[in-house]
Protein backbone atom coordinates (compact mmCIF):
# COMPACT_ATOMS: atom_id res chain seq x y z
CA MET A 1 0.00 0.00 0.00
CA ARG A 2 2.91 2.35 0.77
CA MET A 3 4.38 1.67 -2.67
CA SER A 4 0.98 2.29 -4.20
CA ARG A 5 0.70 5.72 -2.57
CA ASN A 6 4.20 6.75 -3.62
CA SER A 7 3.97 5.59 -7.25
CA PRO A 8 2.22 7.25 -10.20
CA GLY A 9 -1.46 6.42 -10.49
CA TRP A 10 -1.15 4.91 -13.95
CA LEU A 11 1.45 2.44 -12.69
CA ASN A 12 -1.14 0.79 -10.46
CA LEU A 13 -3.11 -0.15 -13.57
CA MET A 14 -0.37 -2.73 -14.26
CA TYR A 15 -1.94 -4.84 -11.51
CA VAL A 16 -5.28 -5.05 -13.29
CA PRO A 17 -4.47 -7.91 -15.74
CA VAL A 18 -3.06 -10.03 -12.91
CA LEU A 19 -6.06 -9.33 -10.69
CA LEU A 20 -8.39 -10.27 -13.53
CA LEU A 21 -6.57 -13.57 -14.10
CA PHE A 22 -6.57 -14.35 -10.38
CA SER A 23 -10.25 -13.51 -10.14
CA LEU A 24 -11.13 -15.69 -13.13
CA PHE A 25 -9.03 -18.76 -12.35
CA ILE A 26 -8.59 -18.68 -8.55
CA TYR A 27 -11.02 -16.47 -6.64
CA TYR A 28 -14.15 -17.32 -8.62
CA PRO A 29 -13.59 -21.13 -8.55
CA PHE A 30 -12.73 -20.92 -4.84
CA ILE A 31 -15.98 -19.09 -4.03
CA GLN A 32 -17.92 -21.50 -6.26
CA GLY A 33 -16.34 -24.42 -4.42
CA ILE A 34 -17.57 -23.08 -1.11
CA ARG A 35 -21.06 -22.58 -2.54
CA VAL A 36 -21.21 -26.05 -4.12
CA SER A 37 -20.23 -27.66 -0.80
CA PHE A 38 -23.65 -26.64 0.55
CA THR A 39 -25.50 -28.43 -2.26
CA ASN A 40 -26.15 -31.98 -3.46
CA TRP A 41 -24.85 -31.26 -6.98
CA ASP A 42 -23.57 -34.33 -8.84
CA GLY A 43 -21.12 -32.32 -10.97
CA PHE A 44 -23.05 -32.74 -14.23
CA ASN A 45 -26.78 -32.15 -13.77
CA ALA A 46 -28.08 -28.60 -14.03
CA ASN A 47 -30.57 -29.27 -11.24
CA TYR A 48 -29.41 -29.48 -7.62
CA SER A 49 -30.65 -28.48 -4.19
CA TRP A 50 -29.33 -26.47 -1.27
CA ILE A 51 -28.71 -28.86 1.66
CA GLY A 52 -26.90 -26.61 4.11
CA LEU A 53 -24.24 -28.26 6.29
CA ASP A 54 -25.21 -31.84 5.41
CA ASN A 55 -21.96 -32.51 3.52
CA TYR A 56 -19.89 -31.34 6.48
CA VAL A 57 -21.94 -33.40 8.92
CA ARG A 58 -21.47 -36.38 6.62
CA MET A 59 -17.74 -35.76 6.65
CA LEU A 60 -17.66 -35.88 10.45
CA HIS A 61 -19.40 -39.28 10.38
CA ASP A 62 -17.32 -40.70 7.53
CA LYS A 63 -15.47 -43.69 8.99
CA ASN A 64 -12.65 -43.34 6.44
CA ILE A 65 -11.95 -39.64 6.89
CA GLY A 66 -9.58 -40.25 9.82
CA THR A 67 -7.39 -42.55 7.71
CA VAL A 68 -7.39 -40.07 4.85
CA ILE A 69 -6.40 -37.13 7.08
CA ARG A 70 -3.68 -39.24 8.72
CA ASN A 71 -2.27 -40.17 5.31
CA THR A 72 -2.38 -36.54 4.18
CA LEU A 73 -0.42 -35.48 7.26
CA ILE A 74 2.14 -38.24 6.70
CA TYR A 75 2.64 -37.14 3.10
CA GLY A 76 3.06 -33.53 4.21
CA ALA A 77 5.15 -33.93 7.38
CA GLY A 78 7.17 -36.93 6.17
CA SER A 79 8.09 -35.41 2.84
CA THR A 80 8.97 -32.12 4.53
CA PHE A 81 11.27 -33.74 7.09
CA PHE A 82 13.14 -36.01 4.68
CA GLN A 83 13.38 -33.50 1.83
CA ASN A 84 14.90 -30.93 4.15
CA ALA A 85 17.21 -33.34 5.98
CA ILE A 86 18.52 -35.02 2.81
CA GLY A 87 18.51 -31.77 0.83
CA LEU A 88 20.62 -30.07 3.50
CA MET A 89 23.12 -32.95 3.53
CA TYR A 90 23.41 -32.78 -0.25
CA ALA A 91 23.85 -29.01 -0.12
CA LEU A 92 26.58 -29.21 2.54
CA LEU A 93 28.41 -31.85 0.52
CA LEU A 94 28.04 -30.15 -2.85
CA ASN A 95 29.04 -26.77 -1.46
CA GLN A 96 32.55 -28.17 -1.07
CA SER A 97 35.21 -27.96 -3.76
CA ILE A 98 34.80 -31.43 -5.22
CA ARG A 99 35.50 -32.27 -8.84
CA THR A 100 32.09 -33.59 -9.90
CA ARG A 101 29.85 -31.29 -7.87
CA GLY A 102 28.25 -29.67 -10.95
CA LEU A 103 27.33 -33.04 -12.44
CA THR A 104 26.10 -34.35 -9.07
CA ARG A 105 23.91 -31.27 -8.53
CA THR A 106 22.36 -31.86 -11.95
CA ILE A 107 21.70 -35.54 -11.23
CA VAL A 108 20.09 -34.81 -7.85
CA TYR A 109 17.90 -32.03 -9.29
CA LEU A 110 16.95 -33.90 -12.49
CA PRO A 111 13.91 -35.80 -11.06
CA ALA A 112 12.26 -32.49 -10.16
CA ILE A 113 11.78 -31.61 -13.84
CA VAL A 114 9.93 -34.88 -14.54
CA SER A 115 6.14 -34.88 -14.31
CA PRO A 116 5.07 -36.29 -10.92
CA LEU A 117 2.66 -38.63 -12.71
CA ILE A 118 5.46 -40.00 -14.90
CA MET A 119 7.70 -40.33 -11.85
CA GLY A 120 4.96 -42.28 -10.10
CA TYR A 121 4.65 -44.72 -13.02
CA ILE A 122 8.43 -45.17 -13.18
CA TRP A 123 8.44 -46.27 -9.55
CA TYR A 124 5.29 -48.34 -10.10
CA PHE A 125 7.22 -50.49 -12.57
CA PHE A 126 9.85 -50.92 -9.87
CA PHE A 127 7.43 -51.92 -7.07
CA GLN A 128 4.68 -53.70 -9.02
CA PHE A 129 3.76 -57.22 -7.90
CA ARG A 130 4.18 -59.06 -11.18
CA GLY A 131 7.26 -58.29 -13.23
CA GLY A 132 8.48 -55.42 -11.06
CA ALA A 133 12.23 -54.88 -10.79
CA LEU A 134 12.12 -55.25 -7.00
CA ASN A 135 10.39 -58.61 -7.15
CA ASP A 136 12.80 -59.84 -9.81
CA ILE A 137 15.51 -59.35 -7.20
CA VAL A 138 13.39 -60.79 -4.36
CA LEU A 139 12.69 -63.99 -6.35
CA LEU A 140 16.43 -64.65 -6.55
CA PHE A 141 16.40 -65.25 -2.78
CA ALA A 142 12.76 -66.16 -1.97
CA ASP A 143 9.94 -68.29 -3.33
CA LYS A 144 7.22 -65.63 -3.38
CA PRO A 145 7.14 -62.00 -4.56
CA ILE A 146 6.09 -59.23 -2.20
CA ASN A 147 3.27 -56.80 -2.91
CA LEU A 148 4.34 -53.65 -1.10
CA LEU A 149 1.90 -51.38 -2.95
CA ALA A 150 -1.02 -53.45 -1.62
CA ASN A 151 0.33 -53.43 1.93
CA PRO A 152 -1.46 -50.73 4.00
CA ASP A 153 1.50 -50.60 6.38
CA ALA A 154 3.99 -49.86 3.61
CA ASN A 155 2.37 -48.10 0.65
CA VAL A 156 1.89 -44.73 2.39
CA TRP A 157 5.59 -44.62 3.24
CA ILE A 158 6.59 -45.69 -0.26
CA ILE A 159 4.53 -42.83 -1.74
CA MET A 160 6.13 -40.40 0.70
CA ALA A 161 9.61 -41.72 -0.20
CA VAL A 162 8.97 -41.35 -3.94
CA ASN A 163 7.79 -37.76 -3.44
CA THR A 164 10.90 -37.08 -1.34
CA PHE A 165 13.16 -38.59 -4.01
CA GLN A 166 11.65 -36.42 -6.72
CA PHE A 167 11.82 -33.05 -4.97
CA VAL A 168 14.84 -33.34 -2.70
CA GLY A 169 16.82 -31.56 -5.42
CA VAL A 170 14.65 -28.46 -5.07
CA ALA A 171 15.42 -28.29 -1.35
CA MET A 172 19.10 -28.81 -2.13
CA ILE A 173 19.17 -25.87 -4.56
CA ILE A 174 17.53 -23.52 -2.04
CA PHE A 175 19.96 -24.61 0.68
CA LEU A 176 22.90 -24.17 -1.68
CA ALA A 177 21.79 -20.61 -2.42
CA GLY A 178 21.60 -19.96 1.32
CA LEU A 179 25.02 -21.48 2.01
CA GLN A 180 26.68 -19.47 -0.74
CA SER A 181 25.26 -16.24 0.69
CA ILE A 182 26.96 -16.81 4.07
CA SER A 183 30.11 -14.73 4.36
CA LYS A 184 33.34 -16.62 5.11
CA ASP A 185 34.10 -13.99 7.75
CA TYR A 186 31.70 -15.71 10.14
CA TYR A 187 33.56 -19.00 9.85
CA GLU A 188 36.96 -17.30 10.23
CA ALA A 189 35.75 -15.50 13.35
CA SER A 190 34.40 -18.73 14.83
CA SER A 191 37.71 -20.50 14.07
CA ILE A 192 39.57 -17.80 15.99
CA ASP A 193 37.23 -18.46 18.93
CA GLY A 194 38.19 -22.14 18.76
CA ALA A 195 34.95 -23.52 17.26
CA GLY A 196 35.11 -26.92 15.57
CA PRO A 197 33.11 -28.13 12.54
CA VAL A 198 30.10 -29.23 14.62
CA SER A 199 30.02 -25.99 16.59
CA LYS A 200 30.27 -23.96 13.36
CA PHE A 201 27.36 -25.89 11.87
CA PHE A 202 25.01 -25.35 14.81
CA ASN A 203 26.09 -21.82 15.75
CA VAL A 204 26.88 -20.28 12.35
CA THR A 205 25.48 -22.30 9.44
CA LEU A 206 22.04 -23.25 10.78
CA PRO A 207 21.10 -19.78 12.16
CA LEU A 208 22.16 -18.09 8.92
CA LEU A 209 20.29 -20.71 6.87
CA ALA A 210 17.05 -19.90 8.71
CA PRO A 211 15.43 -18.08 5.73
CA SER A 212 16.22 -21.04 3.44
CA ILE A 213 14.85 -23.47 6.00
CA THR A 214 11.65 -21.45 6.24
CA ILE A 215 11.17 -21.40 2.46
CA ASN A 216 11.82 -25.13 2.12
CA ILE A 217 9.60 -26.21 4.99
CA VAL A 218 6.63 -24.12 3.87
CA LEU A 219 6.94 -25.18 0.21
CA ASN A 220 7.40 -28.86 1.13
CA LEU A 221 4.43 -28.79 3.50
CA ILE A 222 2.14 -27.31 0.86
CA GLY A 223 3.36 -29.76 -1.80
CA GLY A 224 3.10 -32.80 0.47
CA LEU A 225 -0.33 -31.98 1.87
CA LYS A 226 -1.82 -31.67 -1.61
CA LEU A 227 0.01 -34.69 -3.05
CA PHE A 228 -1.99 -36.30 -5.84
CA ASP A 229 -0.15 -37.51 -8.95
CA VAL A 230 2.22 -39.99 -7.31
CA ILE A 231 -0.61 -41.58 -5.31
CA ILE A 232 -2.72 -42.05 -8.44
CA ALA A 233 0.18 -43.62 -10.33
CA LEU A 234 1.30 -45.99 -7.57
CA THR A 235 -1.84 -47.15 -5.75
CA LYS A 236 -4.82 -45.06 -6.90
CA GLY A 237 -5.44 -44.55 -3.19
CA GLY A 238 -5.90 -48.24 -2.48
CA PRO A 239 -6.27 -50.83 -1.31
CA GLY A 240 -9.59 -49.36 -0.21
CA TYR A 241 -8.76 -46.08 1.54
CA ALA A 242 -5.36 -47.22 2.83
CA SER A 243 -3.29 -44.68 0.87
CA GLN A 244 -5.92 -42.07 -0.01
CA SER A 245 -5.12 -38.40 0.61
CA LEU A 246 -7.70 -35.64 0.71
CA SER A 247 -6.86 -34.68 -2.87
CA THR A 248 -7.30 -38.21 -4.25
CA LEU A 249 -10.46 -38.78 -2.21
CA MET A 250 -11.86 -35.52 -3.57
CA TYR A 251 -11.05 -36.70 -7.12
CA LYS A 252 -12.61 -40.13 -6.50
CA THR A 253 -15.73 -38.60 -4.94
CA TYR A 254 -16.28 -36.13 -7.78
CA PHE A 255 -15.54 -38.27 -10.82
CA GLY A 256 -16.11 -41.75 -9.42
CA ALA A 257 -19.17 -41.24 -7.23
CA GLN A 258 -20.41 -38.11 -9.07
CA ASP A 259 -20.84 -36.35 -5.73
CA ALA A 260 -19.55 -32.84 -6.40
CA GLY A 261 -21.07 -31.36 -3.25
CA TYR A 262 -19.20 -33.70 -0.91
CA ALA A 263 -16.05 -33.39 -3.03
CA ALA A 264 -16.22 -29.61 -2.63
CA ALA A 265 -16.54 -30.01 1.14
CA LEU A 266 -13.43 -32.23 1.13
CA GLY A 267 -11.63 -29.60 -0.95
CA ASN A 268 -12.52 -26.92 1.58
CA LEU A 269 -11.21 -29.12 4.39
CA MET A 270 -7.96 -29.62 2.49
CA PHE A 271 -7.66 -25.87 1.91
CA LEU A 272 -8.15 -25.17 5.63
CA MET A 273 -5.59 -27.80 6.61
CA ILE A 274 -2.96 -26.47 4.21
CA ALA A 275 -3.66 -22.83 5.13
CA ILE A 276 -3.56 -23.38 8.90
CA ILE A 277 -0.50 -25.64 8.91
CA SER A 278 1.55 -23.63 6.41
CA VAL A 279 0.73 -20.22 7.93
CA ALA A 280 1.45 -21.53 11.44
CA ALA A 281 4.77 -22.96 10.26
CA LEU A 282 5.63 -19.72 8.47
CA LEU A 283 4.91 -17.54 11.50
CA PHE A 284 6.79 -19.87 13.84
CA LEU A 285 9.85 -20.08 11.58
CA ARG A 286 9.88 -16.33 10.91
CA ARG A 287 9.94 -15.76 14.65
CA LYS A 288 12.87 -18.17 14.94
CA GLU A 289 14.68 -16.26 12.19
CA ILE A 290 14.40 -13.04 14.17
CA GLN A 291 15.57 -14.72 17.39
CA SER A 292 18.59 -16.24 15.68
């Protein structure tokens, strides 16, 4: 607003095309989604009725919604933790003067440019029950193949691991940018004070990487909580609801059950979850940045 007051009036007109695009493709569908969640619309028929909070009451009594929310949180929190932990280790390693660091950076980042759906199918051919690369190895040492994608205790973690594998390079790049912006003077000063490598990491590197950590955590949380493509490619949310996330359940409800009203209610729940968790994480991490 301050910039708006201090700039020429005509310059503010430059915002109009962007606002129009946002209104057309984001704000209007979002408002329509809220409205549809109070109806029994099937997604196709022109005739539907206003049913108030029935879809939200139905959600509260849905016996599978707890599993779906748990899976969504695992995809979000698990991917965030491992992408940041592994991405930071890669960044610390590849920030050193090693001969092949440029090639290694490229290899680590390369999966991020592949479509998540394609990445999911690549790993599906690795894990699939019949003819999968993993079971070809297993059958060399055992009599029966294993069906990890149909195992409710394993498939959620496999999906989370695949998502981590694909986007760990993005976290690495952001951490590398943060590491390269840290002045060497801080490390020289800490060496004079007698600090060792571990002390330098915790007292110099991590505090000065706080902005990069904030960016990575918030982006990874948002991406993990709305994970869709990899789940569809690997398990389609099955078996049953064992690996469903809110996004895949919303898709299944709309196009499979033709229940657009309930799907819209699920979408609103997903929006609230992502907004609350990501904003809370952002505010908490920003406060930590200031303290450090």
